[in-house]
Amino acid sequence: MIDISLNNIAQIINSMSSQEIETLYLLLTEEGKELLQRKNDMDSKRIKFMTREEVFNV
């Protein structure tokens, strides 16, 4: 548990760029759970992700 005031949270969010806010939004939704699972899969090398060349046949 983290002890942080709502005012501090508001200040942090207000100081974020639009890209950071979009990332925060994704992480706080169901899509975020999937993204974190994909990242964990990649980090643990359980799944081999396709390269850009493989995807686009370049």
Protein backbone atom coordinates (compact mmCIF):
# COMPACT_ATOMS: atom_id res chain seq x y z
CA MET A 1 0.00 0.00 0.00
CA ILE A 2 1.26 3.45 -0.92
CA ASP A 3 0.38 6.52 1.12
CA ILE A 4 -0.09 9.33 -1.39
CA SER A 5 -2.66 12.09 -1.42
CA LEU A 6 -5.15 12.70 -4.21
CA ASN A 7 -3.64 16.14 -4.63
CA ASN A 8 -0.23 14.61 -5.34
CA ILE A 9 -1.78 12.20 -7.85
CA ALA A 10 -3.52 15.09 -9.59
CA GLN A 11 -0.26 17.03 -9.80
CA ILE A 12 1.55 14.02 -11.25
CA ILE A 13 -1.14 13.47 -13.88
CA ASN A 14 -1.24 17.17 -14.77
CA SER A 15 2.51 17.15 -15.36
CA MET A 16 2.34 14.13 -17.73
CA SER A 17 2.63 14.42 -21.48
CA SER A 18 -0.26 13.23 -23.64
CA GLN A 19 1.70 10.09 -24.53
CA GLU A 20 2.26 9.31 -20.84
CA ILE A 21 -1.44 9.82 -20.10
CA GLU A 22 -2.36 7.49 -22.96
CA THR A 23 0.03 4.85 -21.60
CA LEU A 24 -1.41 5.25 -18.10
CA TYR A 25 -4.93 4.84 -19.49
CA LEU A 26 -3.97 1.65 -21.30
CA LEU A 27 -2.35 0.22 -18.20
CA LEU A 28 -5.41 0.95 -16.06
CA THR A 29 -7.86 -0.80 -18.42
CA GLU A 30 -8.31 -4.43 -19.43
CA GLU A 31 -6.02 -3.78 -22.39
CA GLY A 32 -3.27 -3.06 -19.88
CA LYS A 33 -3.50 -6.55 -18.43
CA GLU A 34 -2.99 -8.02 -21.88
CA LEU A 35 -0.08 -5.69 -22.64
CA LEU A 36 1.64 -6.59 -19.36
CA GLN A 37 1.11 -10.30 -20.07
CA ARG A 38 2.67 -9.89 -23.53
CA LYS A 39 5.61 -8.04 -22.00
CA ASN A 40 6.08 -10.80 -19.43
CA ASP A 41 5.93 -13.42 -22.19
CA MET A 42 8.56 -11.54 -24.15
CA ASP A 43 10.81 -11.02 -21.11
CA SER A 44 10.62 -14.69 -20.14
CA LYS A 45 11.15 -15.74 -23.78
CA ARG A 46 8.20 -18.15 -23.57
CA ILE A 47 6.94 -16.82 -26.89
CA LYS A 48 8.98 -15.85 -29.93
CA PHE A 49 7.62 -12.65 -31.37
CA MET A 50 7.82 -12.01 -35.09
CA THR A 51 10.27 -9.46 -36.37
CA ARG A 52 9.20 -6.50 -38.46
CA GLU A 53 10.67 -8.21 -41.52
CA GLU A 54 8.67 -11.36 -40.85
CA VAL A 55 5.44 -9.42 -40.44
CA PHE A 56 5.81 -7.31 -43.57
CA ASN A 57 7.76 -9.80 -45.74
CA VAL A 58 10.58 -7.34 -46.21
